[in-house]
Amino acid sequence: MLLLFEMVIATIGTIATASWIFMGGLFQRAYTQHFRVVNIVLALVLLECAWSML
């Protein structure tokens, strides 16, 4: 049972790492093409998070 649990966690970890790499590549391409828009959107989201804490 423990071995099965370890295999499940290792599989989930591998899938998560692969998706992180894939999405990072997509985000990098989008960021280099539209860095001003991405920075403005991220800044607005950060401000909204800060505002919701008050």
C-alpha atoms as a PDB file:
ATOM      1  CA  MET A   1       0.000   0.000   0.000  1.00  0.00           C
ATOM      2  CA  LEU A   2       2.832   2.387   0.851  1.00  0.00           C
ATOM      3  CA  LEU A   3       4.558   1.665  -2.451  1.00  0.00           C
ATOM      4  CA  LEU A   4       1.354   2.437  -4.352  1.00  0.00           C
ATOM      5  CA  PHE A   5       0.975   5.705  -2.453  1.00  0.00           C
ATOM      6  CA  GLU A   6       4.579   6.651  -3.279  1.00  0.00           C
ATOM      7  CA  MET A   7       4.027   5.877  -6.964  1.00  0.00           C
ATOM      8  CA  VAL A   8       0.894   8.055  -7.043  1.00  0.00           C
ATOM      9  CA  ILE A   9       2.718  10.979  -5.425  1.00  0.00           C
ATOM     10  CA  ALA A  10       5.689  10.581  -7.796  1.00  0.00           C
ATOM     11  CA  THR A  11       3.345  10.538 -10.807  1.00  0.00           C
ATOM     12  CA  ILE A  12       1.466  13.616  -9.636  1.00  0.00           C
ATOM     13  CA  GLY A  13       4.780  15.398  -9.012  1.00  0.00           C
ATOM     14  CA  THR A  14       6.072  14.530 -12.473  1.00  0.00           C
ATOM     15  CA  ILE A  15       2.878  15.744 -14.158  1.00  0.00           C
ATOM     16  CA  ALA A  16       2.936  18.966 -12.113  1.00  0.00           C
ATOM     17  CA  THR A  17       6.571  19.650 -13.025  1.00  0.00           C
ATOM     18  CA  ALA A  18       5.963  18.979 -16.725  1.00  0.00           C
ATOM     19  CA  SER A  19       2.927  21.267 -16.789  1.00  0.00           C
ATOM     20  CA  TRP A  20       4.880  23.977 -14.921  1.00  0.00           C
ATOM     21  CA  ILE A  21       7.616  23.816 -17.584  1.00  0.00           C
ATOM     22  CA  PHE A  22       5.101  23.862 -20.461  1.00  0.00           C
ATOM     23  CA  MET A  23       3.074  26.764 -19.059  1.00  0.00           C
ATOM     24  CA  GLY A  24       6.281  28.659 -18.239  1.00  0.00           C
ATOM     25  CA  GLY A  25       7.339  28.408 -21.877  1.00  0.00           C
ATOM     26  CA  LEU A  26       3.971  29.718 -23.053  1.00  0.00           C
ATOM     27  CA  PHE A  27       4.007  32.527 -20.510  1.00  0.00           C
ATOM     28  CA  GLN A  28       7.543  33.519 -21.512  1.00  0.00           C
ATOM     29  CA  ARG A  29       6.539  33.856 -25.162  1.00  0.00           C
ATOM     30  CA  ALA A  30       3.455  35.881 -24.279  1.00  0.00           C
ATOM     31  CA  TYR A  31       5.419  38.020 -21.821  1.00  0.00           C
ATOM     32  CA  THR A  32       8.155  38.932 -24.303  1.00  0.00           C
ATOM     33  CA  GLN A  33       5.555  39.998 -26.865  1.00  0.00           C
ATOM     34  CA  HIS A  34       3.224  41.889 -24.491  1.00  0.00           C
ATOM     35  CA  PHE A  35       5.334  42.731 -21.447  1.00  0.00           C
ATOM     36  CA  ARG A  36       3.676  46.105 -20.749  1.00  0.00           C
ATOM     37  CA  VAL A  37       0.153  44.690 -20.770  1.00  0.00           C
ATOM     38  CA  VAL A  38       1.182  41.709 -18.629  1.00  0.00           C
ATOM     39  CA  ASN A  39       2.926  43.995 -16.123  1.00  0.00           C
ATOM     40  CA  ILE A  40      -0.115  46.273 -15.890  1.00  0.00           C
ATOM     41  CA  VAL A  41      -2.486  43.328 -15.371  1.00  0.00           C
ATOM     42  CA  LEU A  42      -0.237  41.790 -12.706  1.00  0.00           C
ATOM     43  CA  ALA A  43       0.091  45.157 -10.948  1.00  0.00           C
ATOM     44  CA  LEU A  44      -3.687  45.586 -10.920  1.00  0.00           C
ATOM     45  CA  VAL A  45      -4.163  42.092  -9.504  1.00  0.00           C
ATOM     46  CA  LEU A  46      -1.573  42.838  -6.818  1.00  0.00           C
ATOM     47  CA  LEU A  47      -3.357  46.076  -5.917  1.00  0.00           C
ATOM     48  CA  GLU A  48      -6.709  44.270  -5.729  1.00  0.00           C
ATOM     49  CA  CYS A  49      -5.188  41.668  -3.389  1.00  0.00           C
ATOM     50  CA  ALA A  50      -3.721  44.408  -1.200  1.00  0.00           C
ATOM     51  CA  TRP A  51      -7.041  46.252  -1.179  1.00  0.00           C
ATOM     52  CA  SER A  52      -8.953  43.116  -0.154  1.00  0.00           C
ATOM     53  CA  MET A  53      -6.689  42.732   2.893  1.00  0.00           C
ATOM     54  CA  LEU A  54      -7.686  46.143   4.259  1.00  0.00           C
END
